[in-house]
Protein backbone atom coordinates (compact mmCIF):
# COMPACT_ATOMS: atom_id res chain seq x y z
CA MET A 1 -28.55 12.95 -15.10
CA VAL A 2 -30.31 12.72 -11.74
CA GLU A 3 -32.97 15.36 -11.10
CA SER A 4 -31.82 16.31 -7.58
CA THR A 5 -28.88 15.68 -5.29
CA VAL A 6 -28.38 11.98 -4.63
CA ARG A 7 -26.82 11.08 -1.30
CA ILE A 8 -24.72 7.93 -1.03
CA GLY A 9 -23.50 6.34 2.17
CA ILE A 10 -19.99 4.92 1.94
CA VAL A 11 -17.49 3.24 4.28
CA ALA A 12 -13.80 2.55 3.74
CA GLY A 13 -11.82 1.01 6.57
CA GLU A 14 -8.14 1.55 5.76
CA ALA A 15 -5.71 3.22 3.36
CA SER A 16 -6.24 0.73 0.52
CA GLY A 17 -10.01 1.15 0.83
CA ASP A 18 -9.61 4.92 0.84
CA LEU A 19 -7.72 4.70 -2.46
CA LEU A 20 -10.34 2.41 -4.01
CA GLY A 21 -13.14 4.55 -2.61
CA SER A 22 -11.62 7.68 -4.14
CA LEU A 23 -11.46 5.99 -7.53
CA LEU A 24 -15.12 4.96 -7.22
CA ILE A 25 -16.16 8.49 -6.21
CA ASN A 26 -14.28 9.92 -9.18
CA ALA A 27 -15.97 7.40 -11.49
CA LEU A 28 -19.47 8.35 -10.34
CA LYS A 29 -18.82 12.10 -10.24
CA SER A 30 -17.64 11.97 -13.84
CA VAL A 31 -21.17 10.89 -14.82
CA TYR A 32 -23.46 12.25 -12.12
CA GLN A 33 -23.11 15.92 -11.21
CA ASP A 34 -25.41 16.18 -8.17
CA ILE A 35 -24.06 13.46 -5.94
CA GLU A 36 -22.82 13.51 -2.33
CA PHE A 37 -21.02 10.92 -0.22
CA PHE A 38 -21.01 10.55 3.57
CA GLY A 39 -20.04 7.87 6.06
CA ILE A 40 -16.45 6.86 6.91
CA ALA A 41 -13.79 8.10 4.52
CA GLY A 42 -10.04 8.56 4.41
CA PRO A 43 -8.11 11.60 3.20
CA LYS A 44 -8.28 10.73 -0.52
CA MET A 45 -12.07 10.33 -0.39
CA GLN A 46 -12.45 13.46 1.71
CA ALA A 47 -10.41 15.43 -0.82
CA LEU A 48 -13.15 14.57 -3.33
CA GLY A 49 -15.86 15.89 -1.01
CA ALA A 50 -16.83 12.78 0.98
CA HIS A 51 -17.93 13.70 4.51
CA SER A 52 -16.48 11.41 7.17
CA LEU A 53 -18.58 11.05 10.31
CA PHE A 54 -15.96 8.96 12.11
CA PRO A 55 -12.17 8.61 11.70
CA MET A 56 -11.24 5.85 9.29
CA GLN A 57 -8.28 4.87 11.48
CA ALA A 58 -10.70 3.53 14.11
CA LEU A 59 -11.50 0.61 11.78
CA SER A 60 -7.90 -0.16 10.79
CA VAL A 61 -7.32 -3.10 13.11
CA ARG A 62 -4.90 -5.93 12.33
CA GLY A 63 -5.91 -9.56 12.96
CA TYR A 64 -8.52 -11.48 14.95
CA VAL A 65 -6.94 -11.37 18.37
CA GLU A 66 -5.78 -7.77 18.06
CA ALA A 67 -9.31 -6.66 17.09
CA LEU A 68 -10.73 -7.76 20.43
CA GLY A 69 -9.29 -4.75 22.22
CA SER A 70 -11.03 -2.36 19.81
CA LEU A 71 -14.24 -4.35 19.38
CA ASN A 72 -16.48 -2.26 21.63
CA LYS A 73 -15.38 0.97 19.96
CA ILE A 74 -15.89 -0.45 16.46
CA LEU A 75 -19.33 -1.82 17.32
CA ALA A 76 -20.33 1.55 18.79
CA ILE A 77 -19.26 3.30 15.60
CA ARG A 78 -21.26 0.82 13.49
CA ARG A 79 -24.38 1.30 15.62
CA ALA A 80 -24.11 5.08 15.40
CA LEU A 81 -23.51 4.99 11.66
CA LYS A 82 -26.41 2.59 11.10
CA HIS A 83 -28.70 4.94 13.04
CA ARG A 84 -27.56 7.91 10.94
CA LEU A 85 -28.00 6.02 7.66
CA LEU A 86 -31.47 4.77 8.57
CA LEU A 87 -32.43 8.30 9.57
CA GLU A 88 -31.17 9.96 6.41
CA LYS A 89 -32.00 7.08 4.02
CA PRO A 90 -29.40 7.58 1.27
CA ARG A 91 -30.27 6.34 -2.19
CA LEU A 92 -27.47 3.79 -1.96
CA PHE A 93 -24.90 2.48 0.49
CA ILE A 94 -21.47 1.31 -0.73
CA GLY A 95 -19.19 -0.72 1.49
CA VAL A 96 -15.60 -0.56 0.24
CA ASP A 97 -13.82 -3.75 1.33
CA ALA A 98 -13.72 -4.03 5.20
CA PRO A 99 -16.16 -6.98 5.06
CA ASP A 100 -16.22 -7.68 8.79
CA PHE A 101 -17.53 -4.15 9.37
CA ASN A 102 -19.51 -3.56 6.20
CA LEU A 103 -21.42 -6.76 5.48
CA SER A 104 -23.44 -6.70 8.71
CA LEU A 105 -24.20 -3.04 8.15
CA GLU A 106 -25.17 -3.68 4.53
CA ARG A 107 -27.58 -6.44 5.54
CA LYS A 108 -29.39 -4.20 8.04
CA LEU A 109 -29.66 -1.40 5.49
CA LYS A 110 -30.84 -3.72 2.73
CA ASN A 111 -33.53 -5.17 5.00
CA SER A 112 -34.65 -1.60 5.70
CA GLY A 113 -35.09 -0.79 2.02
CA ILE A 114 -31.73 0.89 1.29
CA ALA A 115 -29.90 -0.65 -1.66
CA SER A 116 -26.44 -1.92 -0.69
CA VAL A 117 -23.41 -2.47 -2.90
CA HIS A 118 -20.19 -4.11 -1.80
CA PHE A 119 -17.08 -3.01 -3.67
CA VAL A 120 -14.21 -5.53 -3.44
CA SER A 121 -15.35 -9.02 -2.62
CA PRO A 122 -14.25 -10.66 0.60
CA SER A 123 -11.55 -13.16 -0.29
CA VAL A 124 -13.92 -16.14 -0.19
CA TRP A 125 -11.58 -17.80 -2.72
CA ALA A 126 -8.71 -17.66 -0.21
CA TRP A 127 -10.30 -18.42 3.15
CA ARG A 128 -13.66 -18.52 5.00
CA PRO A 129 -15.63 -19.54 1.88
CA LYS A 130 -18.93 -19.61 3.77
CA ARG A 131 -18.84 -15.80 3.84
CA ILE A 132 -20.37 -15.94 0.36
CA ASN A 133 -23.68 -16.73 2.09
CA LYS A 134 -23.33 -13.62 4.23
CA VAL A 135 -22.62 -11.61 1.09
CA ARG A 136 -25.79 -12.96 -0.56
CA ARG A 137 -27.93 -11.80 2.36
CA ALA A 138 -26.21 -8.41 2.59
CA VAL A 139 -25.88 -7.00 -0.90
CA SER A 140 -28.07 -5.81 -3.72
CA HIS A 141 -25.06 -5.92 -6.04
CA ALA A 142 -21.33 -6.60 -5.82
CA LEU A 143 -18.53 -4.94 -7.75
CA LEU A 144 -15.72 -7.44 -8.35
CA ILE A 145 -12.08 -6.58 -9.03
CA PHE A 146 -10.63 -9.99 -9.92
CA PRO A 147 -11.68 -11.97 -13.02
CA PHE A 148 -11.93 -15.35 -11.27
CA GLU A 149 -14.58 -13.99 -8.87
CA GLU A 150 -17.31 -13.85 -11.51
CA ASP A 151 -17.93 -17.59 -11.56
CA ILE A 152 -18.05 -17.76 -7.76
CA TYR A 153 -20.74 -15.07 -7.58
CA ARG A 154 -22.69 -16.46 -10.51
CA GLN A 155 -22.82 -19.88 -8.88
CA ALA A 156 -23.89 -18.31 -5.59
CA GLY A 157 -26.73 -16.41 -7.31
CA ILE A 158 -25.44 -12.96 -6.33
CA PRO A 159 -25.85 -10.04 -8.78
CA ALA A 160 -22.34 -8.89 -9.55
CA THR A 161 -20.21 -7.10 -12.13
CA TYR A 162 -16.50 -7.59 -12.80
CA VAL A 163 -15.21 -4.03 -13.24
CA GLY A 164 -11.49 -4.79 -13.47
CA HIS A 165 -9.13 -3.51 -10.82
CA PRO A 166 -9.36 0.28 -10.38
CA LEU A 167 -5.63 0.54 -9.84
CA ALA A 168 -4.90 -1.24 -13.11
CA HIS A 169 -7.02 1.37 -14.86
CA ALA A 170 -5.74 4.37 -12.91
CA LEU A 171 -2.02 3.74 -12.69
CA PRO A 172 0.12 4.86 -15.63
CA GLU A 173 2.48 2.58 -17.49
CA PRO A 174 5.56 2.24 -15.26
CA ASP A 175 8.30 4.76 -16.01
CA ARG A 176 11.35 4.14 -13.84
CA LYS A 177 13.39 7.04 -15.17
CA ARG A 178 10.62 9.58 -14.60
CA ALA A 179 9.84 8.23 -11.12
CA ARG A 180 13.47 8.66 -10.11
CA GLU A 181 13.43 12.21 -11.43
CA ILE A 182 10.26 13.00 -9.45
CA LEU A 183 11.85 11.71 -6.24
CA GLY A 184 15.24 13.23 -6.98
CA LEU A 185 16.99 9.85 -6.99
CA ARG A 186 20.25 9.05 -8.73
CA ALA A 187 19.95 7.06 -11.95
CA ASP A 188 22.94 4.84 -11.07
CA GLN A 189 22.00 4.12 -7.43
CA GLU A 190 20.39 0.88 -6.16
CA TYR A 191 17.16 1.35 -4.20
CA VAL A 192 14.94 -1.02 -2.23
CA VAL A 193 11.45 0.02 -1.06
CA LEU A 194 10.32 -1.06 2.40
CA MET A 195 6.56 -1.34 2.87
CA PRO A 196 5.71 -2.71 6.33
CA GLY A 197 2.01 -1.83 6.05
CA SER A 198 -0.27 1.19 5.95
CA ARG A 199 -2.10 0.50 9.22
CA LEU A 200 -0.48 1.83 12.37
CA GLY A 201 -0.75 -1.45 14.26
CA GLU A 202 0.66 -3.38 11.33
CA LEU A 203 3.60 -1.03 10.97
CA LYS A 204 4.41 -1.16 14.68
CA ALA A 205 4.37 -4.96 14.55
CA LEU A 206 6.65 -5.23 11.51
CA ALA A 207 8.90 -2.16 11.67
CA ASP A 208 11.67 -3.80 13.70
CA LEU A 209 11.83 -6.76 11.31
CA PHE A 210 12.04 -4.48 8.27
CA ILE A 211 14.74 -2.31 9.87
CA GLU A 212 16.82 -5.34 10.84
CA THR A 213 16.39 -6.74 7.32
CA ALA A 214 17.65 -3.46 5.86
CA GLN A 215 20.69 -3.61 8.14
CA CYS A 216 21.45 -7.18 7.05
CA LEU A 217 21.08 -6.30 3.37
CA LEU A 218 23.28 -3.22 3.78
CA ALA A 219 26.03 -5.45 5.17
CA GLN A 220 25.90 -7.45 1.92
CA ARG A 221 25.44 -4.49 -0.43
CA PRO A 222 27.12 -1.44 1.18
CA ARG A 223 26.01 1.00 -1.56
CA ILE A 224 22.31 0.23 -1.32
CA HIS A 225 19.72 2.83 -0.29
CA PHE A 226 16.19 2.37 1.07
CA LEU A 227 12.90 4.18 0.54
CA ILE A 228 9.89 3.91 2.84
CA PRO A 229 6.63 5.62 1.80
CA LEU A 230 4.33 6.25 4.78
CA VAL A 231 0.70 7.35 4.66
CA SER A 232 0.31 9.52 7.77
CA ARG A 233 2.10 11.49 10.45
CA GLU A 234 1.29 8.73 12.95
CA THR A 235 2.93 6.00 10.87
CA ARG A 236 5.96 8.21 10.24
CA GLN A 237 6.36 8.90 13.95
CA ALA A 238 6.01 5.20 14.75
CA PHE A 239 8.65 4.23 12.20
CA GLU A 240 11.06 6.94 13.35
CA HIS A 241 10.59 5.69 16.92
CA SER A 242 11.51 2.17 15.78
CA LEU A 243 14.59 3.50 13.98
CA HIS A 244 15.70 5.26 17.14
CA ALA A 245 15.01 2.22 19.34
CA ALA A 246 17.08 0.05 16.98
CA ASN A 247 19.90 2.62 16.99
CA ALA A 248 19.55 2.62 13.20
CA GLN A 249 19.46 6.36 12.51
CA GLU A 250 22.49 6.01 10.24
CA LEU A 251 20.69 3.54 7.95
CA PRO A 252 20.66 5.04 4.41
CA ILE A 253 16.88 5.32 4.34
CA ARG A 254 14.66 8.06 3.00
CA ILE A 255 11.20 8.42 4.51
CA LEU A 256 8.59 9.62 2.04
CA TYR A 257 5.19 11.07 2.86
CA GLY A 258 3.05 9.28 0.30
CA HIS A 259 4.73 8.73 -3.09
CA ALA A 260 4.33 4.95 -2.77
CA HIS A 261 3.66 4.55 -6.49
CA ASP A 262 6.67 6.67 -7.44
CA ALA A 263 8.86 4.69 -5.05
CA LEU A 264 7.74 1.34 -6.45
CA GLN A 265 8.40 2.47 -10.02
CA ALA A 266 11.81 3.87 -9.09
CA ALA A 267 13.06 0.90 -7.07
CA ASP A 268 15.12 -2.10 -8.08
CA ALA A 269 13.22 -4.29 -5.62
CA ALA A 270 10.88 -4.10 -2.63
CA LEU A 271 10.06 -5.87 0.62
CA ILE A 272 6.31 -5.73 1.16
CA ALA A 273 3.94 -6.82 3.90
CA SER A 274 1.21 -8.89 2.26
CA GLY A 275 -1.74 -6.79 1.13
CA THR A 276 -2.81 -4.36 -1.58
CA ALA A 277 0.74 -3.01 -1.86
CA THR A 278 1.82 -6.30 -3.47
CA LEU A 279 -0.72 -5.69 -6.23
CA GLU A 280 0.53 -2.12 -6.65
CA ALA A 281 4.05 -3.49 -7.03
CA LEU A 282 2.79 -5.92 -9.69
CA LEU A 283 1.07 -3.14 -11.63
CA LEU A 284 4.19 -0.95 -11.45
CA ASP A 285 6.69 -3.65 -12.51
CA CYS A 286 8.49 -3.68 -9.18
CA PRO A 287 10.13 -7.05 -8.34
CA HIS A 288 9.54 -7.85 -4.69
CA VAL A 289 9.53 -10.24 -1.77
CA ILE A 290 6.38 -10.74 0.30
CA THR A 291 6.45 -11.21 4.06
CA TYR A 292 4.06 -11.21 6.99
CA LYS A 293 4.01 -12.06 10.68
CA VAL A 294 1.05 -12.11 13.05
CA PRO A 295 0.72 -13.42 16.61
CA TRP A 296 0.68 -17.20 16.96
CA LEU A 297 -3.03 -17.52 17.77
CA THR A 298 -4.09 -15.27 14.89
CA TRP A 299 -1.93 -17.33 12.54
CA GLN A 300 -3.44 -20.62 13.74
CA ILE A 301 -6.94 -19.30 13.03
CA MET A 302 -5.96 -17.99 9.59
CA ARG A 303 -4.01 -21.11 8.62
CA ARG A 304 -6.90 -23.45 9.41
CA GLN A 305 -9.29 -21.47 7.22
CA ALA A 306 -6.97 -20.91 4.25
CA LEU A 307 -7.98 -22.27 0.84
CA GLN A 308 -4.89 -21.08 -1.06
CA PRO A 309 -1.23 -22.06 -0.62
CA TRP A 310 -0.25 -18.38 -1.08
CA ILE A 311 -1.00 -15.15 0.77
CA GLY A 312 0.26 -12.66 -1.86
CA LEU A 313 -2.11 -11.32 -4.51
CA PRO A 314 0.41 -11.72 -7.37
CA ASN A 315 0.71 -15.44 -6.63
CA ILE A 316 -3.04 -15.92 -6.12
CA LEU A 317 -3.76 -14.17 -9.42
CA ALA A 318 -1.18 -16.24 -11.28
CA ALA A 319 -2.15 -19.46 -9.47
CA GLU A 320 1.55 -20.13 -9.05
CA SER A 321 4.49 -18.82 -7.07
CA ILE A 322 5.91 -15.89 -9.00
CA VAL A 323 6.94 -13.85 -5.94
CA PRO A 324 8.83 -15.30 -2.93
CA GLU A 325 6.70 -15.47 0.23
CA ILE A 326 8.58 -15.62 3.53
CA ILE A 327 6.16 -15.59 6.44
CA GLN A 328 5.76 -16.30 10.15
CA THR A 329 8.67 -18.23 11.70
CA GLN A 330 10.60 -18.16 8.41
CA ALA A 331 10.36 -14.36 8.32
CA THR A 332 13.70 -13.54 9.91
CA ALA A 333 15.87 -10.61 8.94
CA ALA A 334 18.54 -12.96 7.61
CA ASN A 335 16.08 -14.86 5.40
CA LEU A 336 14.43 -11.72 4.07
CA ALA A 337 17.76 -10.03 3.36
CA GLN A 338 18.98 -13.11 1.50
CA ALA A 339 15.80 -13.25 -0.61
CA LEU A 340 16.25 -9.59 -1.55
CA GLU A 341 19.94 -10.14 -2.26
CA ASN A 342 19.03 -13.03 -4.57
CA LEU A 343 16.52 -10.87 -6.41
CA LEU A 344 18.91 -7.94 -6.78
CA ARG A 345 21.76 -10.14 -7.95
CA ASP A 346 19.73 -12.22 -10.44
CA THR A 347 18.62 -10.05 -13.35
CA ASP A 348 16.80 -12.97 -14.94
CA ALA A 349 14.72 -13.54 -11.79
CA ARG A 350 13.66 -9.89 -11.79
CA GLU A 351 12.74 -10.05 -15.47
CA ARG A 352 10.69 -13.23 -14.93
CA GLN A 353 8.71 -11.48 -12.23
CA ILE A 354 8.11 -8.43 -14.41
CA GLU A 355 6.99 -10.56 -17.37
CA ALA A 356 4.51 -12.38 -15.14
CA PHE A 357 3.32 -9.04 -13.71
CA ARG A 358 2.56 -7.65 -17.17
CA HIS A 359 0.46 -10.68 -18.06
CA GLN A 360 -1.63 -10.25 -14.92
CA ARG A 361 -1.96 -6.52 -15.51
CA SER A 362 -3.53 -7.22 -18.91
CA ARG A 363 -6.18 -9.35 -17.15
CA LEU A 364 -6.97 -6.64 -14.60
CA LYS A 365 -7.01 -3.57 -16.82
CA ARG A 366 -10.52 -2.55 -17.91
CA ASN A 367 -12.39 0.74 -18.31
CA THR A 368 -13.23 0.51 -14.62
CA PRO A 369 -14.91 3.93 -14.13
CA ALA A 370 -17.32 3.31 -17.00
CA LEU A 371 -18.09 -0.20 -15.76
CA ILE A 372 -18.75 1.05 -12.21
CA ALA A 373 -20.99 3.87 -13.42
CA HIS A 374 -22.96 1.49 -15.65
CA ALA A 375 -23.37 -1.13 -12.91
CA LEU A 376 -24.67 1.45 -10.42
CA GLN A 377 -26.89 3.33 -12.86
CA PRO A 378 -30.12 1.53 -11.82
CA PHE A 379 -29.56 2.51 -8.19
CA LEU A 380 -28.77 6.15 -8.91
CA ARG A 381 -31.52 6.96 -11.40
CA GLN A 382 -34.45 5.77 -9.30
CA GLN A 383 -35.36 3.98 -6.12
CA HIS A 384 -34.38 0.37 -6.56
CA ALA A 385 -35.94 -2.75 -5.10
CA VAL A 386 -33.42 -4.44 -2.80
């Protein structure tokens, strides 16, 4: 045990980071009693006692070009947070994902004598591989969530620990029947989950496409119903506005506040904007189709820096196409509805996805809390050379 309260700085930049950050906080609090977290935290982290100095939503910006409009605000937040951290000198700083925000901050703190840990590696294996050099300068230690990242960090000479994926540890074995009971869904009804993104800007950009896709699919399968789990009042209001604008209020769709994991377990299939939600679907045995659309200039930048032929985590993990990806100009309502129709109609295709998902889950599932606590023990027991 530590002898006095240990303060830890922490930053999560969006809903997926808030979830991972809450799992990390739980892991450390299960071992260390006198420990406090402050920085930028979402509702799940705050529920565990993390004090958020700035709203997490301010960092949830989608894409290169779109970020320009918020750049001054984000930089001001980072300067203010850096000043606070240097003033209070926490024992440790943990950046949860959000590499564009966190790595620069981590480097400044590390150079000032504050140990820095980055939790969730930037996707140097997918695009912008030179970021590994920035990681080396910024971190005292990295916590990795994918097994193939270990070799990359070892070769780069960066201290790192593969801790498994926290979601693979935390999520229960999928139970479709129980999930339907929790949500009050009929056992004999067909359900598709729509997940257009957790960030407000992302949802606004994709909501119309997802609504039109649902309308197209309904025309092919008149008895189908839709579920859409949303993470905040703002995202719910934005989606309801899109429904109204599309004159789609009669669409058989149920909006859920949270309950994303229950919805994925309960559903027959899902349409998901590329991101952490695709991994959640994998872990919960939910067959799905991946889509994404960004403005033309953002896409040109991303495409030129890509190292992988896939954007979805299930496909990157498997190193093959196990989930359909329909993106950019191909991402039309007609194409997406047809891909979902194919998946719903073809039982064998759904079973092949689920079989591949279970194999990947076995690679990701470790005793993540224990591995995190052990990896961070040197930083929490005493001052650590950075």
